[in-house]
């Protein structure tokens, strides 16, 4: 099947590799390298739905939590703000994702 037909059938769109998608990809790469300031930036992106990501409070809480654990004061406040809009189950999921991220970081070291 031709690529155009597959894209039409699957209703997928190519990623915007020149703009916002690359910004988030660079942030994720920097986070994987241990740049903890980027954790906060990712939390902001996910909490506001900016820089090419959909608003996702679970992901936002995860990144704010990781930044707060590294002593980022603003992340503590932001984590509290998004928590006010989340259920206990969503917060538990965010915490689980943060632990998974930290486990992945420990495995990489």
PDB file of N, CA and C in Angstrom:
ATOM      1  N   UNK A   1       0.845  -1.173   0.000  1.00  0.00           N
ATOM      2  CA  UNK A   1       0.000   0.000   0.000  1.00  0.00           C
ATOM      3  C   UNK A   1       0.895   1.243   0.000  1.00  0.00           C
ATOM      4  N   UNK A   2       0.540   2.213  -0.789  1.00  0.00           N
ATOM      5  CA  UNK A   2       1.327   3.438  -0.848  1.00  0.00           C
ATOM      6  C   UNK A   2       1.254   4.189   0.481  1.00  0.00           C
ATOM      7  N   UNK A   3       2.326   4.943   0.774  1.00  0.00           N
ATOM      8  CA  UNK A   3       2.386   5.695   2.017  1.00  0.00           C
ATOM      9  C   UNK A   3       1.219   6.659   2.142  1.00  0.00           C
ATOM     10  N   UNK A   4       0.875   7.348   1.075  1.00  0.00           N
ATOM     11  CA  UNK A   4      -0.231   8.306   1.112  1.00  0.00           C
ATOM     12  C   UNK A   4      -1.536   7.613   1.470  1.00  0.00           C
ATOM     13  N   UNK A   5      -1.748   6.418   0.916  1.00  0.00           N
ATOM     14  CA  UNK A   5      -2.961   5.676   1.228  1.00  0.00           C
ATOM     15  C   UNK A   5      -2.951   5.215   2.681  1.00  0.00           C
ATOM     16  N   UNK A   6      -1.798   4.820   3.179  1.00  0.00           N
ATOM     17  CA  UNK A   6      -1.696   4.392   4.577  1.00  0.00           C
ATOM     18  C   UNK A   6      -2.002   5.564   5.491  1.00  0.00           C
ATOM     19  N   UNK A   7      -1.421   6.734   5.201  1.00  0.00           N
ATOM     20  CA  UNK A   7      -1.668   7.906   6.034  1.00  0.00           C
ATOM     21  C   UNK A   7      -3.139   8.298   6.009  1.00  0.00           C
ATOM     22  N   UNK A   8      -3.769   8.196   4.845  1.00  0.00           N
ATOM     23  CA  UNK A   8      -5.186   8.512   4.743  1.00  0.00           C
ATOM     24  C   UNK A   8      -6.008   7.497   5.520  1.00  0.00           C
ATOM     25  N   UNK A   9      -5.666   6.231   5.371  1.00  0.00           N
ATOM     26  CA  UNK A   9      -6.396   5.172   6.056  1.00  0.00           C
ATOM     27  C   UNK A   9      -6.234   5.275   7.563  1.00  0.00           C
ATOM     28  N   UNK A  10      -5.012   5.495   8.021  1.00  0.00           N
ATOM     29  CA  UNK A  10      -4.728   5.536   9.453  1.00  0.00           C
ATOM     30  C   UNK A  10      -5.041   6.893  10.072  1.00  0.00           C
ATOM     31  N   UNK A  11      -5.302   7.898   9.222  1.00  0.00           N
ATOM     32  CA  UNK A  11      -5.580   9.258   9.688  1.00  0.00           C
ATOM     33  C   UNK A  11      -4.474   9.777  10.598  1.00  0.00           C
ATOM     34  N   UNK A  12      -3.243   9.582  10.171  1.00  0.00           N
ATOM     35  CA  UNK A  12      -2.116  10.109  10.925  1.00  0.00           C
ATOM     36  C   UNK A  12      -1.542  11.303  10.190  1.00  0.00           C
ATOM     37  N   UNK A  13      -0.914  12.150  10.954  1.00  0.00           N
ATOM     38  CA  UNK A  13      -0.246  13.303  10.368  1.00  0.00           C
ATOM     39  C   UNK A  13       1.215  13.243  10.761  1.00  0.00           C
ATOM     40  N   UNK A  14       2.098  13.626   9.857  1.00  0.00           N
ATOM     41  CA  UNK A  14       3.515  13.624  10.216  1.00  0.00           C
ATOM     42  C   UNK A  14       3.790  14.612  11.340  1.00  0.00           C
ATOM     43  N   UNK A  15       4.757  14.291  12.160  1.00  0.00           N
ATOM     44  CA  UNK A  15       5.128  15.170  13.270  1.00  0.00           C
ATOM     45  C   UNK A  15       5.732  16.460  12.749  1.00  0.00           C
ATOM     46  N   UNK A  16       5.519  17.518  13.488  1.00  0.00           N
ATOM     47  CA  UNK A  16       6.105  18.812  13.167  1.00  0.00           C
ATOM     48  C   UNK A  16       7.526  18.814  13.730  1.00  0.00           C
ATOM     49  N   UNK A  17       8.451  18.228  12.969  1.00  0.00           N
ATOM     50  CA  UNK A  17       9.811  18.080  13.463  1.00  0.00           C
ATOM     51  C   UNK A  17      10.583  19.387  13.464  1.00  0.00           C
ATOM     52  N   UNK A  18      10.013  20.419  12.901  1.00  0.00           N
ATOM     53  CA  UNK A  18      10.734  21.684  12.861  1.00  0.00           C
ATOM     54  C   UNK A  18      10.341  22.623  13.998  1.00  0.00           C
ATOM     55  N   UNK A  19       9.256  22.343  14.686  1.00  0.00           N
ATOM     56  CA  UNK A  19       8.779  23.296  15.669  1.00  0.00           C
ATOM     57  C   UNK A  19       8.603  22.723  17.046  1.00  0.00           C
ATOM     58  N   UNK A  20       7.365  22.760  17.497  1.00  0.00           N
ATOM     59  CA  UNK A  20       7.058  22.422  18.880  1.00  0.00           C
ATOM     60  C   UNK A  20       7.430  20.985  19.238  1.00  0.00           C
ATOM     61  N   UNK A  21       7.204  20.035  18.320  1.00  0.00           N
ATOM     62  CA  UNK A  21       7.542  18.644  18.621  1.00  0.00           C
ATOM     63  C   UNK A  21       9.023  18.496  18.939  1.00  0.00           C
ATOM     64  N   UNK A  22       9.856  19.212  18.213  1.00  0.00           N
ATOM     65  CA  UNK A  22      11.299  19.133  18.461  1.00  0.00           C
ATOM     66  C   UNK A  22      11.659  19.773  19.796  1.00  0.00           C
ATOM     67  N   UNK A  23      10.956  20.828  20.171  1.00  0.00           N
ATOM     68  CA  UNK A  23      11.221  21.475  21.451  1.00  0.00           C
ATOM     69  C   UNK A  23      10.975  20.488  22.595  1.00  0.00           C
ATOM     70  N   UNK A  24       9.846  19.806  22.555  1.00  0.00           N
ATOM     71  CA  UNK A  24       9.526  18.819  23.594  1.00  0.00           C
ATOM     72  C   UNK A  24      10.513  17.663  23.529  1.00  0.00           C
ATOM     73  N   UNK A  25      10.869  17.232  22.342  1.00  0.00           N
ATOM     74  CA  UNK A  25      11.844  16.140  22.205  1.00  0.00           C
ATOM     75  C   UNK A  25      13.185  16.543  22.813  1.00  0.00           C
ATOM     76  N   UNK A  26      13.619  17.777  22.568  1.00  0.00           N
ATOM     77  CA  UNK A  26      14.876  18.248  23.155  1.00  0.00           C
ATOM     78  C   UNK A  26      14.783  18.312  24.678  1.00  0.00           C
ATOM     79  N   UNK A  27      13.627  18.750  25.194  1.00  0.00           N
ATOM     80  CA  UNK A  27      13.439  18.791  26.647  1.00  0.00           C
ATOM     81  C   UNK A  27      13.492  17.387  27.238  1.00  0.00           C
ATOM     82  N   UNK A  28      12.850  16.436  26.586  1.00  0.00           N
ATOM     83  CA  UNK A  28      12.877  15.061  27.087  1.00  0.00           C
ATOM     84  C   UNK A  28      14.291  14.495  27.053  1.00  0.00           C
ATOM     85  N   UNK A  29      15.033  14.816  26.005  1.00  0.00           N
ATOM     86  CA  UNK A  29      16.425  14.354  25.917  1.00  0.00           C
ATOM     87  C   UNK A  29      17.261  14.987  27.021  1.00  0.00           C
ATOM     88  N   UNK A  30      17.066  16.265  27.274  1.00  0.00           N
ATOM     89  CA  UNK A  30      17.814  16.939  28.337  1.00  0.00           C
ATOM     90  C   UNK A  30      17.433  16.375  29.704  1.00  0.00           C
ATOM     91  N   UNK A  31      16.161  16.052  29.890  1.00  0.00           N
ATOM     92  CA  UNK A  31      15.727  15.444  31.147  1.00  0.00           C
ATOM     93  C   UNK A  31      16.377  14.079  31.330  1.00  0.00           C
ATOM     94  N   UNK A  32      16.461  13.321  30.255  1.00  0.00           N
ATOM     95  CA  UNK A  32      17.110  12.015  30.323  1.00  0.00           C
ATOM     96  C   UNK A  32      18.593  12.140  30.647  1.00  0.00           C
ATOM     97  N   UNK A  33      19.188  13.268  30.278  1.00  0.00           N
ATOM     98  CA  UNK A  33      20.596  13.520  30.581  1.00  0.00           C
ATOM     99  C   UNK A  33      20.782  14.060  31.998  1.00  0.00           C
ATOM    100  N   UNK A  34      19.665  14.312  32.699  1.00  0.00           N
ATOM    101  CA  UNK A  34      19.760  14.752  34.083  1.00  0.00           C
ATOM    102  C   UNK A  34      19.593  16.245  34.306  1.00  0.00           C
ATOM    103  N   UNK A  35      19.181  16.994  33.286  1.00  0.00           N
ATOM    104  CA  UNK A  35      18.959  18.438  33.445  1.00  0.00           C
ATOM    105  C   UNK A  35      17.646  18.644  34.184  1.00  0.00           C
ATOM    106  N   UNK A  36      17.723  18.825  35.484  1.00  0.00           N
ATOM    107  CA  UNK A  36      16.519  18.886  36.313  1.00  0.00           C
ATOM    108  C   UNK A  36      15.704  20.157  36.099  1.00  0.00           C
ATOM    109  N   UNK A  37      16.305  21.231  35.599  1.00  0.00           N
ATOM    110  CA  UNK A  37      15.530  22.440  35.305  1.00  0.00           C
ATOM    111  C   UNK A  37      14.515  22.183  34.200  1.00  0.00           C
ATOM    112  N   UNK A  38      14.833  21.241  33.335  1.00  0.00           N
ATOM    113  CA  UNK A  38      13.934  20.913  32.238  1.00  0.00           C
ATOM    114  C   UNK A  38      12.694  20.194  32.770  1.00  0.00           C
ATOM    115  N   UNK A  39      12.803  19.516  33.911  1.00  0.00           N
ATOM    116  CA  UNK A  39      11.627  18.878  34.513  1.00  0.00           C
ATOM    117  C   UNK A  39      10.528  19.924  34.714  1.00  0.00           C
ATOM    118  N   UNK A  40      10.906  21.067  35.248  1.00  0.00           N
ATOM    119  CA  UNK A  40       9.945  22.144  35.476  1.00  0.00           C
ATOM    120  C   UNK A  40       9.358  22.627  34.152  1.00  0.00           C
ATOM    121  N   UNK A  41      10.218  22.820  33.155  1.00  0.00           N
ATOM    122  CA  UNK A  41       9.746  23.281  31.843  1.00  0.00           C
ATOM    123  C   UNK A  41       8.737  22.310  31.248  1.00  0.00           C
ATOM    124  N   UNK A  42       8.988  21.012  31.399  1.00  0.00           N
ATOM    125  CA  UNK A  42       8.045  20.015  30.893  1.00  0.00           C
ATOM    126  C   UNK A  42       6.735  20.071  31.678  1.00  0.00           C
ATOM    127  N   UNK A  43       6.828  20.282  32.982  1.00  0.00           N
ATOM    128  CA  UNK A  43       5.611  20.427  33.781  1.00  0.00           C
ATOM    129  C   UNK A  43       4.764  21.593  33.306  1.00  0.00           C
ATOM    130  N   UNK A  44       5.417  22.702  33.011  1.00  0.00           N
ATOM    131  CA  UNK A  44       4.696  23.874  32.501  1.00  0.00           C
ATOM    132  C   UNK A  44       4.047  23.550  31.154  1.00  0.00           C
ATOM    133  N   UNK A  45       4.789  22.911  30.267  1.00  0.00           N
ATOM    134  CA  UNK A  45       4.245  22.573  28.943  1.00  0.00           C
ATOM    135  C   UNK A  45       3.006  21.687  29.078  1.00  0.00           C
ATOM    136  N   UNK A  46       3.100  20.643  29.883  1.00  0.00           N
ATOM    137  CA  UNK A  46       1.963  19.735  30.032  1.00  0.00           C
ATOM    138  C   UNK A  46       0.807  20.354  30.814  1.00  0.00           C
ATOM    139  N   UNK A  47       1.077  21.240  31.739  1.00  0.00           N
ATOM    140  CA  UNK A  47      -0.012  21.840  32.511  1.00  0.00           C
ATOM    141  C   UNK A  47      -0.765  22.901  31.717  1.00  0.00           C
ATOM    142  N   UNK A  48      -0.107  23.489  30.735  1.00  0.00           N
ATOM    143  CA  UNK A  48      -0.744  24.542  29.942  1.00  0.00           C
ATOM    144  C   UNK A  48      -1.126  24.078  28.540  1.00  0.00           C
ATOM    145  N   UNK A  49      -0.652  22.910  28.152  1.00  0.00           N
ATOM    146  CA  UNK A  49      -0.921  22.441  26.796  1.00  0.00           C
ATOM    147  C   UNK A  49      -0.175  23.246  25.758  1.00  0.00           C
ATOM    148  N   UNK A  50       1.033  23.644  26.087  1.00  0.00           N
ATOM    149  CA  UNK A  50       1.823  24.461  25.162  1.00  0.00           C
ATOM    150  C   UNK A  50       2.973  23.656  24.570  1.00  0.00           C
ATOM    151  N   UNK A  51       3.656  24.234  23.627  1.00  0.00           N
ATOM    152  CA  UNK A  51       4.839  23.650  22.992  1.00  0.00           C
ATOM    153  C   UNK A  51       4.559  22.311  22.324  1.00  0.00           C
ATOM    154  N   UNK A  52       3.379  22.183  21.761  1.00  0.00           N
ATOM    155  CA  UNK A  52       3.080  21.003  20.974  1.00  0.00           C
ATOM    156  C   UNK A  52       2.569  19.807  21.741  1.00  0.00           C
ATOM    157  N   UNK A  53       2.297  19.957  23.029  1.00  0.00           N
ATOM    158  CA  UNK A  53       1.738  18.841  23.793  1.00  0.00           C
ATOM    159  C   UNK A  53       0.313  19.178  24.210  1.00  0.00           C
ATOM    160  N   UNK A  54      -0.491  18.149  24.372  1.00  0.00           N
ATOM    161  CA  UNK A  54      -1.837  18.347  24.892  1.00  0.00           C
ATOM    162  C   UNK A  54      -1.751  18.579  26.395  1.00  0.00           C
ATOM    163  N   UNK A  55      -2.700  19.296  26.924  1.00  0.00           N
ATOM    164  CA  UNK A  55      -2.763  19.497  28.364  1.00  0.00           C
ATOM    165  C   UNK A  55      -2.985  18.136  29.023  1.00  0.00           C
ATOM    166  N   UNK A  56      -2.092  17.771  29.936  1.00  0.00           N
ATOM    167  CA  UNK A  56      -2.144  16.480  30.612  1.00  0.00           C
ATOM    168  C   UNK A  56      -1.663  16.701  32.050  1.00  0.00           C
ATOM    169  N   UNK A  57      -2.610  16.806  32.967  1.00  0.00           N
ATOM    170  CA  UNK A  57      -2.251  17.135  34.343  1.00  0.00           C
ATOM    171  C   UNK A  57      -1.480  16.021  35.029  1.00  0.00           C
ATOM    172  N   UNK A  58      -1.695  14.778  34.626  1.00  0.00           N
ATOM    173  CA  UNK A  58      -0.933  13.672  35.208  1.00  0.00           C
ATOM    174  C   UNK A  58       0.539  13.813  34.834  1.00  0.00           C
ATOM    175  N   UNK A  59       0.815  14.071  33.568  1.00  0.00           N
ATOM    176  CA  UNK A  59       2.208  14.274  33.129  1.00  0.00           C
ATOM    177  C   UNK A  59       2.784  15.536  33.754  1.00  0.00           C
ATOM    178  N   UNK A  60       1.981  16.586  33.838  1.00  0.00           N
ATOM    179  CA  UNK A  60       2.454  17.831  34.443  1.00  0.00           C
ATOM    180  C   UNK A  60       2.855  17.591  35.896  1.00  0.00           C
ATOM    181  N   UNK A  61       2.014  16.905  36.635  1.00  0.00           N
ATOM    182  CA  UNK A  61       2.305  16.618  38.043  1.00  0.00           C
ATOM    183  C   UNK A  61       3.586  15.797  38.154  1.00  0.00           C
ATOM    184  N   UNK A  62       3.730  14.821  37.267  1.00  0.00           N
ATOM    185  CA  UNK A  62       4.941  13.990  37.278  1.00  0.00           C
ATOM    186  C   UNK A  62       6.191  14.848  37.156  1.00  0.00           C
ATOM    187  N   UNK A  63       6.215  15.739  36.169  1.00  0.00           N
ATOM    188  CA  UNK A  63       7.407  16.554  35.936  1.00  0.00           C
ATOM    189  C   UNK A  63       7.618  17.577  37.047  1.00  0.00           C
ATOM    190  N   UNK A  64       6.526  18.190  37.538  1.00  0.00           N
ATOM    191  CA  UNK A  64       6.670  19.113  38.661  1.00  0.00           C
ATOM    192  C   UNK A  64       7.178  18.378  39.896  1.00  0.00           C
ATOM    193  N   UNK A  65       6.710  17.166  40.106  1.00  0.00           N
ATOM    194  CA  UNK A  65       7.147  16.367  41.245  1.00  0.00           C
ATOM    195  C   UNK A  65       8.645  16.069  41.160  1.00  0.00           C
ATOM    196  N   UNK A  66       9.106  15.703  39.978  1.00  0.00           N
ATOM    197  CA  UNK A  66      10.535  15.419  39.790  1.00  0.00           C
ATOM    198  C   UNK A  66      11.375  16.677  40.024  1.00  0.00           C
ATOM    199  N   UNK A  67      10.888  17.822  39.528  1.00  0.00           N
ATOM    200  CA  UNK A  67      11.619  19.081  39.733  1.00  0.00           C
ATOM    201  C   UNK A  67      11.612  19.466  41.212  1.00  0.00           C
ATOM    202  N   UNK A  68      10.481  19.305  41.867  1.00  0.00           N
ATOM    203  CA  UNK A  68      10.374  19.647  43.284  1.00  0.00           C
ATOM    204  C   UNK A  68      11.308  18.780  44.127  1.00  0.00           C
ATOM    205  N   UNK A  69      11.430  17.528  43.757  1.00  0.00           N
ATOM    206  CA  UNK A  69      12.321  16.625  44.488  1.00  0.00           C
ATOM    207  C   UNK A  69      13.775  17.066  44.381  1.00  0.00           C
ATOM    208  N   UNK A  70      14.090  17.839  43.356  1.00  0.00           N
ATOM    209  CA  UNK A  70      15.443  18.369  43.177  1.00  0.00           C
ATOM    210  C   UNK A  70      15.593  19.765  43.767  1.00  0.00           C
ATOM    211  N   UNK A  71      14.560  20.225  44.470  1.00  0.00           N
ATOM    212  CA  UNK A  71      14.647  21.509  45.154  1.00  0.00           C
ATOM    213  C   UNK A  71      14.127  22.703  44.374  1.00  0.00           C
ATOM    214  N   UNK A  72      13.426  22.480  43.274  1.00  0.00           N
ATOM    215  CA  UNK A  72      12.894  23.579  42.469  1.00  0.00           C
ATOM    216  C   UNK A  72      11.650  24.130  43.165  1.00  0.00           C
ATOM    217  N   UNK A  73      11.773  25.329  43.744  1.00  0.00           N
ATOM    218  CA  UNK A  73      10.702  25.895  44.576  1.00  0.00           C
ATOM    219  C   UNK A  73       9.423  26.161  43.795  1.00  0.00           C
ATOM    220  N   UNK A  74       9.546  26.733  42.602  1.00  0.00           N
ATOM    221  CA  UNK A  74       8.349  27.027  41.809  1.00  0.00           C
ATOM    222  C   UNK A  74       7.602  25.745  41.442  1.00  0.00           C
ATOM    223  N   UNK A  75       8.347  24.676  41.245  1.00  0.00           N
ATOM    224  CA  UNK A  75       7.709  23.398  40.905  1.00  0.00           C
ATOM    225  C   UNK A  75       6.828  22.904  42.045  1.00  0.00           C
ATOM    226  N   UNK A  76       7.240  23.172  43.280  1.00  0.00           N
ATOM    227  CA  UNK A  76       6.413  22.787  44.439  1.00  0.00           C
ATOM    228  C   UNK A  76       5.050  23.469  44.378  1.00  0.00           C
ATOM    229  N   UNK A  77       5.067  24.756  44.059  1.00  0.00           N
ATOM    230  CA  UNK A  77       3.812  25.511  43.973  1.00  0.00           C
ATOM    231  C   UNK A  77       2.966  25.040  42.802  1.00  0.00           C
ATOM    232  N   UNK A  78       3.602  24.801  41.690  1.00  0.00           N
ATOM    233  CA  UNK A  78       2.864  24.359  40.500  1.00  0.00           C
ATOM    234  C   UNK A  78       2.267  22.966  40.711  1.00  0.00           C
ATOM    235  N   UNK A  79       3.023  22.102  41.353  1.00  0.00           N
ATOM    236  CA  UNK A  79       2.517  20.754  41.642  1.00  0.00           C
ATOM    237  C   UNK A  79       1.270  20.853  42.511  1.00  0.00           C
ATOM    238  N   UNK A  80       1.299  21.724  43.502  1.00  0.00           N
ATOM    239  CA  UNK A  80       0.127  21.915  44.362  1.00  0.00           C
ATOM    240  C   UNK A  80      -1.062  22.453  43.567  1.00  0.00           C
ATOM    241  N   UNK A  81      -0.795  23.383  42.664  1.00  0.00           N
ATOM    242  CA  UNK A  81      -1.871  23.955  41.844  1.00  0.00           C
ATOM    243  C   UNK A  81      -2.538  22.902  40.971  1.00  0.00           C
ATOM    244  N   UNK A  82      -1.740  22.094  40.274  1.00  0.00           N
ATOM    245  CA  UNK A  82      -2.354  21.085  39.405  1.00  0.00           C
ATOM    246  C   UNK A  82      -3.024  19.996  40.238  1.00  0.00           C
ATOM    247  N   UNK A  83      -2.506  19.718  41.425  1.00  0.00           N
ATOM    248  CA  UNK A  83      -3.116  18.707  42.295  1.00  0.00           C
ATOM    249  C   UNK A  83      -4.548  19.083  42.663  1.00  0.00           C
ATOM    250  N   UNK A  84      -4.800  20.379  42.795  1.00  0.00           N
ATOM    251  CA  UNK A  84      -6.147  20.849  43.127  1.00  0.00           C
ATOM    252  C   UNK A  84      -7.173  20.481  42.056  1.00  0.00           C
ATOM    253  N   UNK A  85      -6.711  20.240  40.844  1.00  0.00           N
ATOM    254  CA  UNK A  85      -7.604  19.929  39.735  1.00  0.00           C
ATOM    255  C   UNK A  85      -7.611  18.438  39.386  1.00  0.00           C
ATOM    256  N   UNK A  86      -6.954  17.629  40.206  1.00  0.00           N
ATOM    257  CA  UNK A  86      -6.811  16.200  39.915  1.00  0.00           C
ATOM    258  C   UNK A  86      -7.519  15.354  40.969  1.00  0.00           C
ATOM    259  N   UNK A  87      -7.876  14.136  40.559  1.00  0.00           N
ATOM    260  CA  UNK A  87      -8.422  13.179  41.516  1.00  0.00           C
ATOM    261  C   UNK A  87      -7.265  12.487  42.225  1.00  0.00           C
ATOM    262  N   UNK A  88      -7.573  11.827  43.316  1.00  0.00           N
ATOM    263  CA  UNK A  88      -6.547  11.074  44.044  1.00  0.00           C
ATOM    264  C   UNK A  88      -5.945   9.993  43.153  1.00  0.00           C
ATOM    265  N   UNK A  89      -6.746   9.383  42.330  1.00  0.00           N
ATOM    266  CA  UNK A  89      -6.261   8.341  41.413  1.00  0.00           C
ATOM    267  C   UNK A  89      -5.282   8.927  40.391  1.00  0.00           C
ATOM    268  N   UNK A  90      -5.572  10.116  39.876  1.00  0.00           N
ATOM    269  CA  UNK A  90      -4.673  10.763  38.921  1.00  0.00           C
ATOM    270  C   UNK A  90      -3.349  11.126  39.583  1.00  0.00           C
ATOM    271  N   UNK A  91      -3.410  11.608  40.814  1.00  0.00           N
ATOM    272  CA  UNK A  91      -2.183  11.946  41.536  1.00  0.00           C
ATOM    273  C   UNK A  91      -1.347  10.698  41.770  1.00  0.00           C
ATOM    274  N   UNK A  92      -1.999   9.610  42.143  1.00  0.00           N
ATOM    275  CA  UNK A  92      -1.281   8.344  42.346  1.00  0.00           C
ATOM    276  C   UNK A  92      -0.620   7.883  41.050  1.00  0.00           C
ATOM    277  N   UNK A  93      -1.306   8.049  39.931  1.00  0.00           N
ATOM    278  CA  UNK A  93      -0.731   7.674  38.631  1.00  0.00           C
ATOM    279  C   UNK A  93       0.479   8.548  38.311  1.00  0.00           C
ATOM    280  N   UNK A  94       0.381   9.850  38.589  1.00  0.00           N
ATOM    281  CA  UNK A  94       1.504  10.760  38.350  1.00  0.00           C
ATOM    282  C   UNK A  94       2.708  10.361  39.199  1.00  0.00           C
ATOM    283  N   UNK A  95       2.452  10.008  40.430  1.00  0.00           N
ATOM    284  CA  UNK A  95       3.544   9.593  41.319  1.00  0.00           C
ATOM    285  C   UNK A  95       4.168   8.285  40.844  1.00  0.00           C
ATOM    286  N   UNK A  96       3.340   7.380  40.351  1.00  0.00           N
ATOM    287  CA  UNK A  96       3.861   6.121  39.809  1.00  0.00           C
ATOM    288  C   UNK A  96       4.766   6.391  38.599  1.00  0.00           C
ATOM    289  N   UNK A  97       4.320   7.289  37.717  1.00  0.00           N
ATOM    290  CA  UNK A  97       5.125   7.638  36.539  1.00  0.00           C
ATOM    291  C   UNK A  97       6.448   8.291  36.939  1.00  0.00           C
ATOM    292  N   UNK A  98       6.423   9.126  37.974  1.00  0.00           N
ATOM    293  CA  UNK A  98       7.658   9.769  38.445  1.00  0.00           C
ATOM    294  C   UNK A  98       8.626   8.714  38.979  1.00  0.00           C
ATOM    295  N   UNK A  99       8.104   7.743  39.726  1.00  0.00           N
ATOM    296  CA  UNK A  99       8.968   6.668  40.229  1.00  0.00           C
ATOM    297  C   UNK A  99       9.549   5.854  39.080  1.00  0.00           C
ATOM    298  N   UNK A 100       8.736   5.588  38.061  1.00  0.00           N
ATOM    299  CA  UNK A 100       9.240   4.857  36.889  1.00  0.00           C
ATOM    300  C   UNK A 100      10.363   5.635  36.209  1.00  0.00           C
ATOM    301  N   UNK A 101      10.191   6.949  36.082  1.00  0.00           N
ATOM    302  CA  UNK A 101      11.227   7.789  35.466  1.00  0.00           C
ATOM    303  C   UNK A 101      12.521   7.685  36.264  1.00  0.00           C
ATOM    304  N   UNK A 102      12.402   7.776  37.585  1.00  0.00           N
ATOM    305  CA  UNK A 102      13.593   7.706  38.446  1.00  0.00           C
ATOM    306  C   UNK A 102      14.249   6.328  38.352  1.00  0.00           C
ATOM    307  N   UNK A 103      13.443   5.285  38.278  1.00  0.00           N
ATOM    308  CA  UNK A 103      14.013   3.931  38.106  1.00  0.00           C
ATOM    309  C   UNK A 103      14.761   3.828  36.794  1.00  0.00           C
ATOM    310  N   UNK A 104      14.193   4.404  35.751  1.00  0.00           N
ATOM    311  CA  UNK A 104      14.861   4.406  34.448  1.00  0.00           C
ATOM    312  C   UNK A 104      16.161   5.175  34.480  1.00  0.00           C
ATOM    313  N   UNK A 105      16.181   6.274  35.221  1.00  0.00           N
ATOM    314  CA  UNK A 105      17.398   7.067  35.366  1.00  0.00           C
ATOM    315  C   UNK A 105      18.467   6.259  36.129  1.00  0.00           C
ATOM    316  N   UNK A 106      18.064   5.545  37.171  1.00  0.00           N
ATOM    317  CA  UNK A 106      19.004   4.744  37.957  1.00  0.00           C
ATOM    318  C   UNK A 106      19.566   3.603  37.117  1.00  0.00           C
ATOM    319  N   UNK A 107      18.714   3.004  36.286  1.00  0.00           N
ATOM    320  CA  UNK A 107      19.159   1.918  35.419  1.00  0.00           C
ATOM    321  C   UNK A 107      20.149   2.393  34.372  1.00  0.00           C
ATOM    322  N   UNK A 108      19.965   3.646  33.921  1.00  0.00           N
ATOM    323  CA  UNK A 108      20.844   4.199  32.894  1.00  0.00           C
ATOM    324  C   UNK A 108      22.225   4.556  33.448  1.00  0.00           C
ATOM    325  N   UNK A 109      22.292   4.804  34.739  1.00  0.00           N
ATOM    326  CA  UNK A 109      23.570   5.222  35.356  1.00  0.00           C
ATOM    327  C   UNK A 109      24.521   4.081  35.568  1.00  0.00           C
TER     328      UNK A 109
END
